[in-house]
C-alpha cells in the first residue's frame, strides 16, 4: 500500500493583506478541488489573531504531491506579496523533483525552511480499505451513544 504524504506549511500574513489573502486562498482551494481529484484533503487555517496561516494537505502517495506541486506552481507568485513563508514540512517520501519544487515555493514566498520527515512507524485506518470507489471519507459520525473516535462495532 502506498505511503500517505502529509504536507504542512506555515506563513506569516503580511500586514494589511489578510482580506486579499483570504479571497486568494478560497480561489486556490476551488482550483485544487477542480484539478486534483486524488487529493484526500486540502485545508487552510488562520490562528486566532489572523497573523499566521497554515496549509495542510493529505495525499494518497508521493505522486499526488508531485502533481499538486506541478499544477499550483504557476499560481504561487500571486501569494508573494500576501505572505512570508516560515516553513514547509512534508511527512512522507517525496522525490528529488518535488523537493526542488518545495524549495522553489519557499523561495518564491519569502524563504523559510523545508523539511522532509520519513515514516518510521504508524497505523492507517481508512474506511473501505483503500482508495477504490472514487474517494474515502476520513471522518465519520460516532454511533448513537458512542464517544467520537470510538470503534463503530461497540
Foldseek 3Di string as FASTA:
>chain_A
DADKKKKKWKWFFPPPQQVVVVVLVVVVVVVCVVQQLQWADWDWDAPPVRGMIMIMTMGPHQVSLVVVLVVCVVVLLVCQNGTQTAEMEMEDDHDPVSVVSVQVSNVSNHHHYYYYHYDDDDDDDWPPPDQPPRHTDPADDAPPPDDGPDDNVD
